[in-house]
N, C-alpha and C. Protein backbone atom coordinates (compact mmCIF):
# COMPACT_ATOMS: atom_id res chain seq x y z
N UNK A 1 101.68 106.97 85.01
CA UNK A 1 102.12 106.43 86.29
C UNK A 1 101.40 105.10 86.54
N UNK A 2 102.15 104.09 86.92
CA UNK A 2 101.56 102.77 87.16
C UNK A 2 100.73 102.79 88.44
N UNK A 3 99.62 102.08 88.41
CA UNK A 3 98.80 101.95 89.61
C UNK A 3 99.50 101.03 90.58
N UNK A 4 99.74 101.53 91.79
CA UNK A 4 100.34 100.67 92.80
C UNK A 4 99.24 99.95 93.54
N UNK A 5 99.45 98.67 93.77
CA UNK A 5 98.48 97.91 94.55
C UNK A 5 98.51 98.45 95.97
N UNK A 6 97.35 98.56 96.60
CA UNK A 6 97.37 99.00 98.00
C UNK A 6 98.12 97.96 98.84
N UNK A 7 98.86 98.42 99.83
CA UNK A 7 99.61 97.52 100.69
C UNK A 7 98.64 96.71 101.54
N UNK A 8 98.65 95.37 101.42
CA UNK A 8 97.70 94.55 102.19
C UNK A 8 97.85 94.73 103.69
N UNK A 9 99.04 95.09 104.15
CA UNK A 9 99.23 95.32 105.59
C UNK A 9 98.52 96.60 106.03
N UNK A 10 98.37 97.55 105.10
CA UNK A 10 97.62 98.76 105.42
C UNK A 10 96.12 98.50 105.31
N UNK A 11 95.74 97.78 104.27
CA UNK A 11 94.32 97.44 104.09
C UNK A 11 93.81 96.67 105.31
N UNK A 12 94.61 95.74 105.80
CA UNK A 12 94.23 94.94 106.96
C UNK A 12 94.44 95.65 108.28
N UNK A 13 94.87 96.91 108.22
CA UNK A 13 95.14 97.75 109.40
C UNK A 13 96.19 97.16 110.34
N UNK A 14 97.04 96.27 109.79
CA UNK A 14 98.16 95.75 110.58
C UNK A 14 99.14 96.90 110.80
N UNK A 15 99.39 97.64 109.69
CA UNK A 15 100.15 98.89 109.83
C UNK A 15 99.16 99.88 110.42
N UNK A 16 99.52 100.40 111.56
CA UNK A 16 98.59 101.26 112.30
C UNK A 16 98.29 100.61 113.63
N UNK A 17 97.60 99.45 113.61
CA UNK A 17 97.24 98.78 114.86
C UNK A 17 98.44 98.14 115.54
N UNK A 18 99.36 97.56 114.75
CA UNK A 18 100.44 96.77 115.32
C UNK A 18 101.80 97.42 115.13
N UNK A 19 102.03 97.99 113.95
CA UNK A 19 103.35 98.55 113.66
C UNK A 19 103.22 99.76 112.75
N UNK A 20 104.34 100.45 112.61
CA UNK A 20 104.39 101.60 111.72
C UNK A 20 104.77 101.14 110.32
N UNK A 21 104.55 102.03 109.35
CA UNK A 21 104.87 101.71 107.97
C UNK A 21 106.37 101.43 107.86
N UNK A 22 106.73 100.44 107.04
CA UNK A 22 108.14 100.09 106.83
C UNK A 22 108.31 99.63 105.39
N UNK A 23 109.55 99.59 104.94
CA UNK A 23 109.85 99.04 103.61
C UNK A 23 110.43 97.65 103.78
N UNK A 24 109.77 96.63 103.22
CA UNK A 24 110.31 95.27 103.36
C UNK A 24 111.74 95.19 102.83
N UNK A 25 112.63 94.58 103.63
CA UNK A 25 114.05 94.52 103.27
C UNK A 25 114.51 93.09 103.01
N UNK A 26 113.75 92.12 103.50
CA UNK A 26 114.08 90.72 103.25
C UNK A 26 112.80 89.99 102.90
N UNK A 27 112.94 88.80 102.32
CA UNK A 27 111.78 87.99 101.97
C UNK A 27 111.57 86.96 103.08
N UNK A 28 110.35 86.91 103.58
CA UNK A 28 110.00 85.94 104.62
C UNK A 28 108.85 85.08 104.09
N UNK A 29 109.03 83.76 104.19
CA UNK A 29 107.99 82.83 103.76
C UNK A 29 107.54 82.02 104.97
N UNK A 30 106.24 82.03 105.24
CA UNK A 30 105.68 81.30 106.38
C UNK A 30 104.81 80.18 105.83
N UNK A 31 105.13 78.95 106.21
CA UNK A 31 104.40 77.79 105.70
C UNK A 31 103.99 76.86 106.83
N UNK A 32 102.70 76.52 106.88
CA UNK A 32 102.19 75.55 107.85
C UNK A 32 102.09 74.19 107.17
N UNK A 33 102.39 73.14 107.92
CA UNK A 33 102.23 71.74 107.44
C UNK A 33 102.89 71.52 106.08
N UNK A 34 104.00 72.15 105.85
CA UNK A 34 104.84 72.02 104.66
C UNK A 34 104.17 72.38 103.33
N UNK A 35 102.89 72.77 103.34
CA UNK A 35 102.27 73.08 102.06
C UNK A 35 101.32 74.26 102.09
N UNK A 36 101.09 74.86 103.24
CA UNK A 36 100.10 75.92 103.35
C UNK A 36 100.78 77.24 103.63
N UNK A 37 101.09 77.98 102.57
CA UNK A 37 101.80 79.24 102.74
C UNK A 37 100.85 80.33 103.21
N UNK A 38 101.35 81.20 104.08
CA UNK A 38 100.56 82.31 104.60
C UNK A 38 100.66 83.49 103.64
N UNK A 39 99.50 83.99 103.21
CA UNK A 39 99.43 85.19 102.38
C UNK A 39 98.61 86.22 103.13
N UNK A 40 98.97 87.49 102.97
CA UNK A 40 98.27 88.56 103.68
C UNK A 40 96.76 88.50 103.50
N UNK A 41 96.06 88.45 104.64
CA UNK A 41 94.61 88.53 104.62
C UNK A 41 93.88 87.25 104.30
N UNK A 42 94.60 86.17 103.96
CA UNK A 42 93.92 84.91 103.68
C UNK A 42 93.49 84.27 104.99
N UNK A 43 92.42 83.49 104.92
CA UNK A 43 91.93 82.83 106.13
C UNK A 43 92.51 81.44 106.26
N UNK A 44 92.94 81.10 107.46
CA UNK A 44 93.37 79.74 107.78
C UNK A 44 92.52 79.27 108.96
N UNK A 45 92.17 78.01 108.95
CA UNK A 45 91.40 77.47 110.06
C UNK A 45 92.34 77.18 111.23
N UNK A 46 91.88 77.43 112.47
CA UNK A 46 92.72 77.10 113.63
C UNK A 46 93.24 75.66 113.59
N UNK A 47 92.44 74.73 113.06
CA UNK A 47 92.89 73.33 112.99
C UNK A 47 94.06 73.14 112.03
N UNK A 48 94.30 74.14 111.16
CA UNK A 48 95.41 74.04 110.19
C UNK A 48 96.69 74.68 110.72
N UNK A 49 96.61 75.32 111.89
CA UNK A 49 97.79 76.05 112.41
C UNK A 49 98.16 75.57 113.81
N UNK A 50 97.93 74.28 114.06
CA UNK A 50 98.20 73.74 115.40
C UNK A 50 99.68 73.47 115.64
N UNK A 51 100.45 73.31 114.56
CA UNK A 51 101.89 73.08 114.73
C UNK A 51 102.65 74.31 114.25
N UNK A 52 103.83 74.49 114.82
CA UNK A 52 104.68 75.63 114.45
C UNK A 52 104.89 75.65 112.94
N UNK A 53 104.79 76.83 112.34
CA UNK A 53 105.07 76.91 110.90
C UNK A 53 106.58 76.95 110.66
N UNK A 54 106.95 76.70 109.42
CA UNK A 54 108.34 76.91 109.00
C UNK A 54 108.41 78.34 108.49
N UNK A 55 109.33 79.12 109.03
CA UNK A 55 109.48 80.51 108.62
C UNK A 55 110.88 80.67 108.02
N UNK A 56 110.93 80.90 106.72
CA UNK A 56 112.21 81.05 106.03
C UNK A 56 112.53 82.52 105.82
N UNK A 57 113.79 82.84 106.03
CA UNK A 57 114.28 84.21 105.85
C UNK A 57 115.26 84.21 104.68
N UNK A 58 114.88 84.89 103.59
CA UNK A 58 115.79 85.02 102.45
C UNK A 58 116.23 86.46 102.38
N UNK A 59 117.51 86.67 102.46
CA UNK A 59 118.03 88.04 102.50
C UNK A 59 118.88 88.16 103.74
N UNK A 60 119.69 89.17 103.77
CA UNK A 60 120.66 89.23 104.85
C UNK A 60 121.71 88.17 104.53
N UNK A 61 122.53 87.84 105.48
CA UNK A 61 123.55 86.81 105.28
C UNK A 61 123.71 86.09 106.61
N UNK A 62 124.65 85.17 106.67
CA UNK A 62 124.83 84.38 107.88
C UNK A 62 125.30 85.23 109.07
N UNK A 63 125.71 86.45 108.82
CA UNK A 63 126.11 87.33 109.92
C UNK A 63 124.95 88.19 110.41
N UNK A 64 123.83 88.14 109.71
CA UNK A 64 122.64 88.88 110.15
C UNK A 64 121.80 87.96 111.02
N UNK A 65 121.19 88.53 112.06
CA UNK A 65 120.31 87.76 112.92
C UNK A 65 118.97 88.46 113.02
N UNK A 66 117.91 87.64 113.08
CA UNK A 66 116.56 88.18 113.03
C UNK A 66 115.73 87.69 114.21
N UNK A 67 114.74 88.50 114.58
CA UNK A 67 113.76 88.13 115.59
C UNK A 67 112.41 88.05 114.91
N UNK A 68 111.69 86.97 115.15
CA UNK A 68 110.36 86.75 114.61
C UNK A 68 109.36 86.79 115.74
N UNK A 69 108.27 87.54 115.56
CA UNK A 69 107.18 87.47 116.53
C UNK A 69 105.88 87.13 115.81
N UNK A 70 105.00 86.43 116.51
CA UNK A 70 103.65 86.16 116.03
C UNK A 70 102.72 86.73 117.09
N UNK A 71 101.90 87.70 116.69
CA UNK A 71 101.05 88.40 117.63
C UNK A 71 99.62 88.47 117.12
N UNK A 72 98.68 88.52 118.06
CA UNK A 72 97.25 88.67 117.75
C UNK A 72 96.79 90.00 118.36
N UNK A 73 96.51 91.01 117.50
CA UNK A 73 96.08 92.31 118.03
C UNK A 73 94.58 92.39 118.31
N UNK A 74 93.86 91.30 118.14
CA UNK A 74 92.39 91.33 118.23
C UNK A 74 91.82 90.57 119.42
N UNK A 75 92.53 90.59 120.56
CA UNK A 75 92.11 89.84 121.74
C UNK A 75 91.36 90.75 122.70
N UNK A 76 90.24 90.30 123.26
CA UNK A 76 89.59 89.02 123.02
C UNK A 76 88.74 88.99 121.74
N UNK A 77 88.38 90.15 121.22
CA UNK A 77 87.61 90.21 119.97
C UNK A 77 87.94 91.47 119.22
N UNK A 78 87.81 91.46 117.89
CA UNK A 78 88.20 92.62 117.08
C UNK A 78 87.41 93.90 117.38
N UNK A 79 86.17 93.77 117.86
CA UNK A 79 85.40 94.99 118.11
C UNK A 79 85.83 95.68 119.41
N UNK A 80 86.42 94.94 120.33
CA UNK A 80 86.89 95.51 121.59
C UNK A 80 88.16 94.79 122.04
N UNK A 81 89.28 95.08 121.35
CA UNK A 81 90.52 94.33 121.63
C UNK A 81 91.29 94.87 122.83
N UNK A 82 90.63 94.88 124.00
CA UNK A 82 91.23 95.53 125.17
C UNK A 82 92.43 94.77 125.73
N UNK A 83 92.66 93.53 125.30
CA UNK A 83 93.86 92.81 125.74
C UNK A 83 94.99 92.92 124.72
N UNK A 84 94.78 93.74 123.68
CA UNK A 84 95.76 93.89 122.59
C UNK A 84 97.13 94.09 123.16
N UNK A 85 98.13 93.46 122.65
CA UNK A 85 98.19 92.33 121.77
C UNK A 85 98.44 91.09 122.61
N UNK A 86 98.23 89.91 122.01
CA UNK A 86 98.57 88.65 122.68
C UNK A 86 99.68 88.00 121.86
N UNK A 87 100.79 87.70 122.53
CA UNK A 87 101.94 87.15 121.81
C UNK A 87 101.80 85.62 121.71
N UNK A 88 101.97 85.10 120.51
CA UNK A 88 101.84 83.66 120.29
C UNK A 88 103.18 82.97 120.11
N UNK A 89 104.21 83.72 119.75
CA UNK A 89 105.48 83.06 119.47
C UNK A 89 106.56 84.13 119.32
N UNK A 90 107.75 83.87 119.87
CA UNK A 90 108.92 84.73 119.62
C UNK A 90 110.13 83.82 119.42
N UNK A 91 110.81 84.02 118.30
CA UNK A 91 112.06 83.30 118.02
C UNK A 91 113.12 84.36 117.73
N UNK A 92 114.27 84.26 118.39
CA UNK A 92 115.33 85.25 118.21
C UNK A 92 116.56 84.58 117.60
N UNK A 93 117.53 85.40 117.22
CA UNK A 93 118.83 84.93 116.74
C UNK A 93 118.71 83.98 115.54
N UNK A 94 117.74 84.23 114.66
CA UNK A 94 117.61 83.43 113.44
C UNK A 94 118.65 83.93 112.44
N UNK A 95 119.59 83.08 112.02
CA UNK A 95 120.59 83.55 111.05
C UNK A 95 119.93 83.85 109.70
N UNK A 96 120.39 84.91 109.04
CA UNK A 96 119.88 85.22 107.70
C UNK A 96 120.07 84.03 106.78
N UNK A 97 119.21 83.90 105.78
CA UNK A 97 119.24 82.83 104.78
C UNK A 97 118.93 81.45 105.38
N UNK A 98 118.36 81.38 106.61
CA UNK A 98 117.96 80.09 107.17
C UNK A 98 116.47 80.15 107.51
N UNK A 99 116.05 79.33 108.47
CA UNK A 99 114.66 79.40 108.90
C UNK A 99 114.59 79.37 110.42
N UNK A 100 113.36 79.51 110.94
CA UNK A 100 113.15 79.69 112.37
C UNK A 100 113.66 78.54 113.22
N UNK A 101 113.84 77.35 112.64
CA UNK A 101 114.34 76.23 113.44
C UNK A 101 115.79 76.47 113.89
N UNK A 102 116.49 77.39 113.22
CA UNK A 102 117.88 77.70 113.58
C UNK A 102 117.96 78.76 114.67
N UNK A 103 116.82 79.32 115.04
CA UNK A 103 116.81 80.39 116.04
C UNK A 103 116.61 79.86 117.45
N UNK A 104 116.46 80.79 118.38
CA UNK A 104 116.28 80.49 119.79
C UNK A 104 114.83 80.84 120.14
N UNK A 105 114.04 79.82 120.52
CA UNK A 105 112.64 80.07 120.85
C UNK A 105 112.53 80.72 122.22
N UNK A 106 112.23 82.02 122.21
CA UNK A 106 112.16 82.81 123.44
C UNK A 106 110.80 82.62 124.11
N UNK A 107 109.74 82.57 123.31
CA UNK A 107 108.38 82.32 123.80
C UNK A 107 107.82 81.18 122.94
N UNK A 108 107.41 80.09 123.57
CA UNK A 108 106.99 78.91 122.82
C UNK A 108 105.72 79.18 122.00
N UNK A 109 105.57 78.42 120.94
CA UNK A 109 104.44 78.58 120.02
C UNK A 109 103.13 78.24 120.72
N UNK A 110 102.19 79.15 120.66
CA UNK A 110 100.86 78.93 121.22
C UNK A 110 99.87 78.91 120.07
N UNK A 111 99.05 77.86 120.02
CA UNK A 111 98.11 77.68 118.92
C UNK A 111 97.09 78.83 118.90
N UNK A 112 96.90 79.47 117.73
CA UNK A 112 95.85 80.49 117.62
C UNK A 112 94.46 79.87 117.84
N UNK A 113 93.74 80.39 118.83
CA UNK A 113 92.39 79.90 119.13
C UNK A 113 91.44 81.07 119.33
N UNK A 114 91.06 81.76 118.26
CA UNK A 114 90.17 82.91 118.44
C UNK A 114 88.78 82.48 118.90
N UNK A 115 88.21 83.25 119.82
CA UNK A 115 86.86 82.94 120.32
C UNK A 115 85.79 83.80 119.66
N UNK A 116 86.04 85.09 119.58
CA UNK A 116 85.03 86.03 119.07
C UNK A 116 85.54 86.69 117.81
N UNK A 117 84.78 86.58 116.73
CA UNK A 117 85.10 87.33 115.52
C UNK A 117 86.32 86.80 114.78
N UNK A 118 86.73 87.56 113.77
CA UNK A 118 87.88 87.21 112.93
C UNK A 118 89.11 87.91 113.49
N UNK A 119 90.12 87.15 113.81
CA UNK A 119 91.36 87.70 114.36
C UNK A 119 92.44 87.72 113.29
N UNK A 120 93.33 88.71 113.41
CA UNK A 120 94.52 88.77 112.56
C UNK A 120 95.67 88.18 113.35
N UNK A 121 96.43 87.30 112.72
CA UNK A 121 97.63 86.75 113.34
C UNK A 121 98.80 87.22 112.50
N UNK A 122 99.67 88.02 113.11
CA UNK A 122 100.69 88.76 112.37
C UNK A 122 102.08 88.24 112.68
N UNK A 123 102.78 87.81 111.63
CA UNK A 123 104.19 87.45 111.75
C UNK A 123 105.00 88.68 111.40
N UNK A 124 105.91 89.08 112.29
CA UNK A 124 106.72 90.27 112.05
C UNK A 124 108.18 89.89 112.25
N UNK A 125 109.00 90.28 111.30
CA UNK A 125 110.43 89.96 111.35
C UNK A 125 111.23 91.24 111.53
N UNK A 126 112.15 91.21 112.48
CA UNK A 126 113.05 92.34 112.75
C UNK A 126 114.48 91.89 112.58
N UNK A 127 115.35 92.81 112.15
CA UNK A 127 116.78 92.53 112.11
C UNK A 127 117.38 92.98 113.45
N UNK A 128 118.12 92.07 114.08
CA UNK A 128 118.77 92.40 115.35
C UNK A 128 120.09 93.12 115.10
N UNK A 129 120.46 93.98 116.06
CA UNK A 129 121.77 94.64 115.97
C UNK A 129 122.88 93.62 116.24
N UNK A 130 122.64 92.75 117.23
CA UNK A 130 123.60 91.67 117.54
C UNK A 130 122.85 90.51 118.15
N UNK A 131 123.56 89.40 118.33
CA UNK A 131 122.93 88.19 118.89
C UNK A 131 122.65 88.32 120.37
N UNK A 132 121.68 87.53 120.82
CA UNK A 132 121.38 87.38 122.24
C UNK A 132 121.16 88.70 122.95
N UNK A 133 120.42 89.59 122.29
CA UNK A 133 120.14 90.89 122.90
C UNK A 133 118.65 91.09 123.13
N UNK A 134 117.83 90.11 122.73
CA UNK A 134 116.38 90.27 122.83
C UNK A 134 115.87 89.58 124.10
N UNK A 135 115.08 90.31 124.86
CA UNK A 135 114.57 89.83 126.14
C UNK A 135 113.09 89.48 126.01
N UNK A 136 112.70 88.36 126.58
CA UNK A 136 111.30 87.91 126.52
C UNK A 136 110.39 88.88 127.27
N UNK A 137 109.18 89.08 126.76
CA UNK A 137 108.22 89.93 127.48
C UNK A 137 107.78 89.25 128.77
N UNK A 138 107.29 90.03 129.73
CA UNK A 138 106.90 89.47 131.03
C UNK A 138 105.59 88.68 130.93
N UNK A 139 104.79 88.95 129.90
CA UNK A 139 103.49 88.29 129.78
C UNK A 139 103.11 88.18 128.30
N UNK A 140 102.26 87.21 127.97
CA UNK A 140 101.78 87.09 126.60
C UNK A 140 100.71 88.14 126.30
N UNK A 141 99.95 88.55 127.34
CA UNK A 141 98.90 89.54 127.15
C UNK A 141 99.43 90.96 127.25
N UNK A 142 98.67 91.89 126.69
CA UNK A 142 99.03 93.32 126.69
C UNK A 142 100.41 93.55 126.10
N UNK A 143 100.76 92.73 125.12
CA UNK A 143 102.03 92.88 124.42
C UNK A 143 101.91 94.09 123.48
N UNK A 144 103.02 94.76 123.23
CA UNK A 144 103.01 95.88 122.29
C UNK A 144 104.24 95.75 121.40
N UNK A 145 103.99 95.47 120.12
CA UNK A 145 105.08 95.26 119.17
C UNK A 145 106.02 96.45 119.11
N UNK A 146 105.46 97.67 119.06
CA UNK A 146 106.31 98.87 118.95
C UNK A 146 107.22 99.02 120.16
N UNK A 147 106.66 98.84 121.37
CA UNK A 147 107.46 98.98 122.60
C UNK A 147 108.50 97.88 122.67
N UNK A 148 108.10 96.65 122.31
CA UNK A 148 109.04 95.52 122.30
C UNK A 148 110.22 95.81 121.37
N UNK A 149 109.92 96.32 120.18
CA UNK A 149 110.97 96.63 119.21
C UNK A 149 111.89 97.73 119.75
N UNK A 150 111.29 98.72 120.39
CA UNK A 150 112.07 99.83 120.95
C UNK A 150 112.96 99.35 122.10
N UNK A 151 112.40 98.59 123.02
CA UNK A 151 113.16 98.11 124.19
C UNK A 151 114.31 97.20 123.79
N UNK A 152 114.15 96.48 122.67
CA UNK A 152 115.19 95.55 122.23
C UNK A 152 116.01 96.08 121.06
N UNK A 153 115.87 97.39 120.79
CA UNK A 153 116.63 98.08 119.73
C UNK A 153 116.52 97.37 118.38
N UNK A 154 115.28 97.00 118.02
CA UNK A 154 115.08 96.28 116.77
C UNK A 154 114.74 97.18 115.59
N UNK A 155 114.33 98.41 115.86
CA UNK A 155 113.98 99.31 114.77
C UNK A 155 112.67 98.89 114.10
N UNK A 156 112.50 99.29 112.85
CA UNK A 156 111.30 98.94 112.11
C UNK A 156 111.40 97.50 111.61
N UNK A 157 110.25 96.87 111.36
CA UNK A 157 110.29 95.50 110.81
C UNK A 157 110.99 95.48 109.46
N UNK A 158 111.47 94.31 109.07
CA UNK A 158 112.06 94.13 107.73
C UNK A 158 111.15 93.26 106.86
N UNK A 159 110.16 92.59 107.49
CA UNK A 159 109.18 91.80 106.76
C UNK A 159 107.99 91.54 107.68
N UNK A 160 106.82 91.32 107.07
CA UNK A 160 105.63 90.99 107.85
C UNK A 160 104.61 90.33 106.93
N UNK A 161 103.81 89.44 107.52
CA UNK A 161 102.71 88.81 106.79
C UNK A 161 101.68 88.41 107.85
N UNK A 162 100.39 88.43 107.46
CA UNK A 162 99.37 88.04 108.44
C UNK A 162 98.29 87.19 107.79
N UNK A 163 97.65 86.38 108.63
CA UNK A 163 96.48 85.64 108.18
C UNK A 163 95.33 85.91 109.13
N UNK A 164 94.13 85.62 108.67
CA UNK A 164 92.93 85.75 109.48
C UNK A 164 92.49 84.37 109.93
N UNK A 165 91.91 84.31 111.12
CA UNK A 165 91.34 83.06 111.60
C UNK A 165 90.16 83.39 112.49
N UNK A 166 89.18 82.50 112.47
CA UNK A 166 88.04 82.62 113.38
C UNK A 166 87.74 81.25 113.95
N UNK A 167 86.95 81.27 115.00
CA UNK A 167 86.60 80.01 115.67
C UNK A 167 85.91 79.08 114.67
N UNK A 168 86.31 77.83 114.71
CA UNK A 168 85.69 76.85 113.81
C UNK A 168 84.45 76.28 114.47
N UNK A 169 83.37 76.24 113.71
CA UNK A 169 82.18 75.57 114.22
C UNK A 169 82.32 74.08 113.90
N UNK A 170 81.57 73.28 114.57
CA UNK A 170 81.64 71.82 114.35
C UNK A 170 81.38 71.49 112.88
N UNK A 171 80.48 72.22 112.27
CA UNK A 171 80.13 71.94 110.87
C UNK A 171 81.29 72.20 109.93
N UNK A 172 82.12 73.19 110.26
CA UNK A 172 83.21 73.57 109.38
C UNK A 172 84.43 72.68 109.57
N UNK A 173 84.42 71.87 110.63
CA UNK A 173 85.61 71.15 111.03
C UNK A 173 85.75 69.79 110.35
N UNK A 174 85.01 69.55 109.28
CA UNK A 174 85.01 68.23 108.65
C UNK A 174 86.39 67.82 108.17
């Protein structure tokens, strides 16, 4: 029997803290500044993620529509995330085989600025049942991915990826 690599979303406790286990159904590529691709568990500096990333969806077809969320489950700090989760971005109605620029920005992109400890920033992609059915949350704080998915009939995610970020010290900001 072949050794299966542990799922990085489980290792990073994204599955569990943010969402339930799912089987990826489409390929999602998240790239900052046209050259910095997001890989599970890799660290990105806050100064490298100040502009909206390009999020490409490969899979589905032009009749499929997707919702993308970017959430931080570690607010205000990973040891006591009592504000869990904080929503950083929501884009809906993204046609399959395109990217997030073709969607409808429901919640504008907010730059990740962690203060305490290492935060996980999680991109989660859901397939919508139909267009224009996703409603914006009332607040960025105390967001809950599972409840949001349930309220908007999104089901389980079809793709997810996360990066880690921590506050940059002046010395690291060269």
